[in-house]
Amino acid sequence: MLHRGGVEEFDLAANVSLCPPARNDLSDFYDSAKGAEWTDGSLWQDEYASYCNWKGVTCDEMSCVTKLNLTNNGLSGRLSESI
């Protein structure tokens, strides 16, 4: 729990039932590959969208990432260690 200005806040990124590790890993990838500069970053970093619906992400029926297809999307930078 975080404390900011006397108000308690929750960091849900650490709660695997609400924020699966794959989502955090993909977010790290987005940041390290300069996702804000991509040609199409549809739904990436959208707090309400499933990471399985992010542009270029394919998941199986258990919500496990099986494929990333970000061809011709303007990626640059270095891959994060979590990938």
N, C-alpha and C. Protein backbone atom coordinates (compact mmCIF):
# COMPACT_ATOMS: atom_id res chain seq x y z
N MET A 1 0.84 -1.17 0.00
CA MET A 1 0.00 0.00 0.00
C MET A 1 0.89 1.23 0.00
N LEU A 2 0.55 2.19 -0.83
CA LEU A 2 1.31 3.42 -0.93
C LEU A 2 0.66 4.50 -0.09
N HIS A 3 1.46 5.38 0.45
CA HIS A 3 0.95 6.53 1.19
C HIS A 3 1.34 7.79 0.46
N ARG A 4 0.37 8.61 0.14
CA ARG A 4 0.65 9.84 -0.58
C ARG A 4 -0.22 10.94 0.04
N GLY A 5 0.41 11.92 0.61
CA GLY A 5 -0.33 13.03 1.18
C GLY A 5 -1.30 12.63 2.27
N GLY A 6 -0.95 11.61 3.05
CA GLY A 6 -1.82 11.17 4.13
C GLY A 6 -2.95 10.26 3.66
N VAL A 7 -3.03 9.99 2.37
CA VAL A 7 -4.08 9.13 1.82
C VAL A 7 -3.45 7.82 1.38
N GLU A 8 -4.07 6.71 1.77
CA GLU A 8 -3.57 5.42 1.36
C GLU A 8 -4.03 5.13 -0.06
N GLU A 9 -3.09 4.63 -0.89
CA GLU A 9 -3.41 4.25 -2.26
C GLU A 9 -2.97 2.81 -2.47
N PHE A 10 -3.59 2.15 -3.39
CA PHE A 10 -3.26 0.77 -3.68
C PHE A 10 -2.52 0.67 -5.00
N ASP A 11 -1.51 -0.17 -5.06
CA ASP A 11 -0.78 -0.43 -6.30
C ASP A 11 -1.24 -1.79 -6.79
N LEU A 12 -2.16 -1.81 -7.75
CA LEU A 12 -2.74 -3.05 -8.23
C LEU A 12 -1.82 -3.80 -9.18
N ALA A 13 -0.75 -3.19 -9.64
CA ALA A 13 0.17 -3.86 -10.56
C ALA A 13 0.81 -5.08 -9.91
N ALA A 14 0.90 -5.10 -8.60
CA ALA A 14 1.51 -6.22 -7.89
C ALA A 14 0.51 -7.33 -7.58
N ASN A 15 -0.78 -7.10 -7.82
CA ASN A 15 -1.82 -8.08 -7.54
C ASN A 15 -2.03 -8.94 -8.79
N VAL A 16 -1.51 -10.19 -8.79
CA VAL A 16 -1.56 -11.02 -9.99
C VAL A 16 -2.97 -11.43 -10.40
N SER A 17 -3.91 -11.39 -9.48
CA SER A 17 -5.29 -11.72 -9.88
C SER A 17 -5.93 -10.57 -10.64
N LEU A 18 -5.49 -9.35 -10.39
CA LEU A 18 -6.04 -8.19 -11.09
C LEU A 18 -5.14 -7.71 -12.22
N CYS A 19 -3.86 -7.99 -12.11
CA CYS A 19 -2.90 -7.55 -13.12
C CYS A 19 -1.91 -8.69 -13.36
N PRO A 20 -2.24 -9.58 -14.30
CA PRO A 20 -1.38 -10.75 -14.55
C PRO A 20 0.05 -10.35 -14.93
N PRO A 21 1.02 -11.18 -14.57
CA PRO A 21 2.42 -10.89 -14.90
C PRO A 21 2.64 -10.61 -16.39
N ALA A 22 1.90 -11.30 -17.26
CA ALA A 22 2.06 -11.08 -18.70
C ALA A 22 1.73 -9.63 -19.06
N ARG A 23 0.73 -9.07 -18.41
CA ARG A 23 0.37 -7.67 -18.68
C ARG A 23 1.51 -6.74 -18.28
N ASN A 24 2.11 -6.99 -17.12
CA ASN A 24 3.24 -6.18 -16.68
C ASN A 24 4.43 -6.34 -17.62
N ASP A 25 4.69 -7.58 -18.07
CA ASP A 25 5.80 -7.82 -18.99
C ASP A 25 5.57 -7.09 -20.32
N LEU A 26 4.34 -7.15 -20.83
CA LEU A 26 4.03 -6.46 -22.08
C LEU A 26 4.12 -4.95 -21.91
N SER A 27 3.73 -4.45 -20.75
CA SER A 27 3.85 -3.01 -20.48
C SER A 27 5.31 -2.60 -20.46
N ASP A 28 6.17 -3.44 -19.86
CA ASP A 28 7.61 -3.17 -19.86
C ASP A 28 8.14 -3.16 -21.30
N PHE A 29 7.67 -4.11 -22.10
CA PHE A 29 8.08 -4.17 -23.51
C PHE A 29 7.65 -2.90 -24.23
N TYR A 30 6.42 -2.47 -24.03
CA TYR A 30 5.89 -1.26 -24.64
C TYR A 30 6.78 -0.05 -24.31
N ASP A 31 7.11 0.07 -23.04
CA ASP A 31 7.95 1.19 -22.60
C ASP A 31 9.35 1.13 -23.21
N SER A 32 9.96 -0.06 -23.19
CA SER A 32 11.34 -0.18 -23.68
C SER A 32 11.42 -0.08 -25.20
N ALA A 33 10.33 -0.41 -25.90
CA ALA A 33 10.31 -0.32 -27.36
C ALA A 33 9.68 0.98 -27.84
N LYS A 34 9.62 1.96 -26.94
CA LYS A 34 9.09 3.30 -27.25
C LYS A 34 7.69 3.24 -27.85
N GLY A 35 6.80 2.55 -27.14
CA GLY A 35 5.44 2.34 -27.60
C GLY A 35 4.66 3.60 -27.90
N ALA A 36 4.96 4.67 -27.20
CA ALA A 36 4.25 5.94 -27.45
C ALA A 36 4.52 6.46 -28.86
N GLU A 37 5.60 5.96 -29.49
CA GLU A 37 5.96 6.40 -30.84
C GLU A 37 5.55 5.41 -31.92
N TRP A 38 4.90 4.30 -31.54
CA TRP A 38 4.50 3.29 -32.52
C TRP A 38 3.49 3.85 -33.50
N THR A 39 3.45 3.26 -34.68
CA THR A 39 2.47 3.62 -35.70
C THR A 39 1.06 3.33 -35.19
N ASP A 40 0.87 2.16 -34.59
CA ASP A 40 -0.44 1.78 -34.05
C ASP A 40 -0.26 1.05 -32.74
N GLY A 41 -0.57 1.72 -31.66
CA GLY A 41 -0.48 1.12 -30.32
C GLY A 41 -1.87 0.92 -29.72
N SER A 42 -2.83 0.56 -30.57
CA SER A 42 -4.22 0.44 -30.13
C SER A 42 -4.36 -0.41 -28.87
N LEU A 43 -4.96 0.18 -27.88
CA LEU A 43 -5.32 -0.41 -26.59
C LEU A 43 -4.13 -0.70 -25.66
N TRP A 44 -2.89 -0.59 -26.16
CA TRP A 44 -1.74 -0.81 -25.28
C TRP A 44 -1.80 0.22 -24.17
N GLN A 45 -1.62 -0.23 -22.95
CA GLN A 45 -1.63 0.58 -21.74
C GLN A 45 -3.04 1.02 -21.34
N ASP A 46 -4.07 0.59 -22.05
CA ASP A 46 -5.44 0.90 -21.65
C ASP A 46 -5.76 0.08 -20.41
N GLU A 47 -6.05 0.74 -19.32
CA GLU A 47 -6.24 0.05 -18.05
C GLU A 47 -7.47 -0.86 -18.03
N TYR A 48 -8.40 -0.65 -18.95
CA TYR A 48 -9.63 -1.44 -18.96
C TYR A 48 -9.63 -2.55 -20.02
N ALA A 49 -8.69 -2.51 -20.94
CA ALA A 49 -8.63 -3.51 -22.02
C ALA A 49 -7.77 -4.69 -21.60
N SER A 50 -8.21 -5.87 -21.95
CA SER A 50 -7.40 -7.06 -21.73
C SER A 50 -6.15 -6.96 -22.61
N TYR A 51 -5.02 -7.35 -22.08
CA TYR A 51 -3.79 -7.32 -22.88
C TYR A 51 -3.92 -8.23 -24.10
N CYS A 52 -4.82 -9.18 -24.06
CA CYS A 52 -5.04 -10.06 -25.21
C CYS A 52 -5.71 -9.32 -26.36
N ASN A 53 -6.26 -8.16 -26.09
CA ASN A 53 -6.88 -7.34 -27.14
C ASN A 53 -5.98 -6.21 -27.62
N TRP A 54 -4.78 -6.11 -27.07
CA TRP A 54 -3.86 -5.07 -27.52
C TRP A 54 -3.41 -5.39 -28.94
N LYS A 55 -3.21 -4.35 -29.73
CA LYS A 55 -2.78 -4.49 -31.12
C LYS A 55 -1.55 -5.37 -31.23
N GLY A 56 -1.65 -6.46 -32.01
CA GLY A 56 -0.51 -7.34 -32.26
C GLY A 56 -0.30 -8.44 -31.25
N VAL A 57 -1.12 -8.52 -30.21
CA VAL A 57 -0.97 -9.56 -29.18
C VAL A 57 -2.00 -10.65 -29.44
N THR A 58 -1.53 -11.90 -29.47
CA THR A 58 -2.42 -13.05 -29.62
C THR A 58 -2.29 -13.91 -28.38
N CYS A 59 -3.43 -14.32 -27.83
CA CYS A 59 -3.46 -15.17 -26.64
C CYS A 59 -4.24 -16.44 -26.92
N ASP A 60 -3.98 -17.47 -26.12
CA ASP A 60 -4.77 -18.69 -26.21
C ASP A 60 -5.99 -18.58 -25.29
N GLU A 61 -6.74 -19.64 -25.16
CA GLU A 61 -7.97 -19.62 -24.37
C GLU A 61 -7.72 -19.44 -22.87
N MET A 62 -6.48 -19.60 -22.43
CA MET A 62 -6.13 -19.41 -21.01
C MET A 62 -5.50 -18.03 -20.78
N SER A 63 -5.58 -17.14 -21.77
CA SER A 63 -5.02 -15.79 -21.72
C SER A 63 -3.50 -15.77 -21.62
N CYS A 64 -2.88 -16.82 -22.16
CA CYS A 64 -1.42 -16.86 -22.25
C CYS A 64 -1.02 -16.28 -23.61
N VAL A 65 -0.06 -15.38 -23.60
CA VAL A 65 0.40 -14.78 -24.85
C VAL A 65 1.11 -15.85 -25.67
N THR A 66 0.66 -16.01 -26.91
CA THR A 66 1.26 -17.00 -27.80
C THR A 66 2.00 -16.37 -28.97
N LYS A 67 1.72 -15.08 -29.23
CA LYS A 67 2.36 -14.45 -30.38
C LYS A 67 2.30 -12.93 -30.25
N LEU A 68 3.37 -12.29 -30.69
CA LEU A 68 3.40 -10.84 -30.85
C LEU A 68 3.69 -10.57 -32.32
N ASN A 69 2.84 -9.78 -32.96
CA ASN A 69 3.05 -9.42 -34.36
C ASN A 69 2.95 -7.90 -34.45
N LEU A 70 4.07 -7.26 -34.41
CA LEU A 70 4.14 -5.80 -34.45
C LEU A 70 4.96 -5.33 -35.65
N THR A 71 4.87 -6.08 -36.73
CA THR A 71 5.59 -5.78 -37.96
C THR A 71 5.21 -4.39 -38.49
N ASN A 72 6.21 -3.66 -38.93
CA ASN A 72 6.01 -2.33 -39.52
C ASN A 72 5.27 -1.38 -38.59
N ASN A 73 5.58 -1.45 -37.32
CA ASN A 73 4.87 -0.61 -36.34
C ASN A 73 5.77 0.44 -35.71
N GLY A 74 6.97 0.60 -36.23
CA GLY A 74 7.85 1.67 -35.76
C GLY A 74 8.50 1.42 -34.41
N LEU A 75 8.73 0.16 -34.06
CA LEU A 75 9.38 -0.14 -32.78
C LEU A 75 10.83 0.28 -32.81
N SER A 76 11.34 0.72 -31.68
CA SER A 76 12.75 1.02 -31.52
C SER A 76 13.10 0.87 -30.05
N GLY A 77 14.38 0.88 -29.75
CA GLY A 77 14.81 0.72 -28.36
C GLY A 77 15.32 -0.68 -28.12
N ARG A 78 15.42 -1.05 -26.86
CA ARG A 78 15.93 -2.36 -26.46
C ARG A 78 14.82 -3.16 -25.79
N LEU A 79 14.89 -4.49 -25.97
CA LEU A 79 13.90 -5.33 -25.30
C LEU A 79 14.15 -5.32 -23.80
N SER A 80 13.07 -5.30 -23.05
CA SER A 80 13.19 -5.33 -21.60
C SER A 80 13.62 -6.73 -21.15
N GLU A 81 14.23 -6.83 -19.99
CA GLU A 81 14.68 -8.11 -19.48
C GLU A 81 13.51 -9.05 -19.21
N SER A 82 12.33 -8.51 -18.91
CA SER A 82 11.18 -9.37 -18.63
C SER A 82 10.71 -10.13 -19.85
N ILE A 83 11.05 -9.64 -21.04
CA ILE A 83 10.70 -10.34 -22.27
C ILE A 83 11.74 -11.41 -22.53
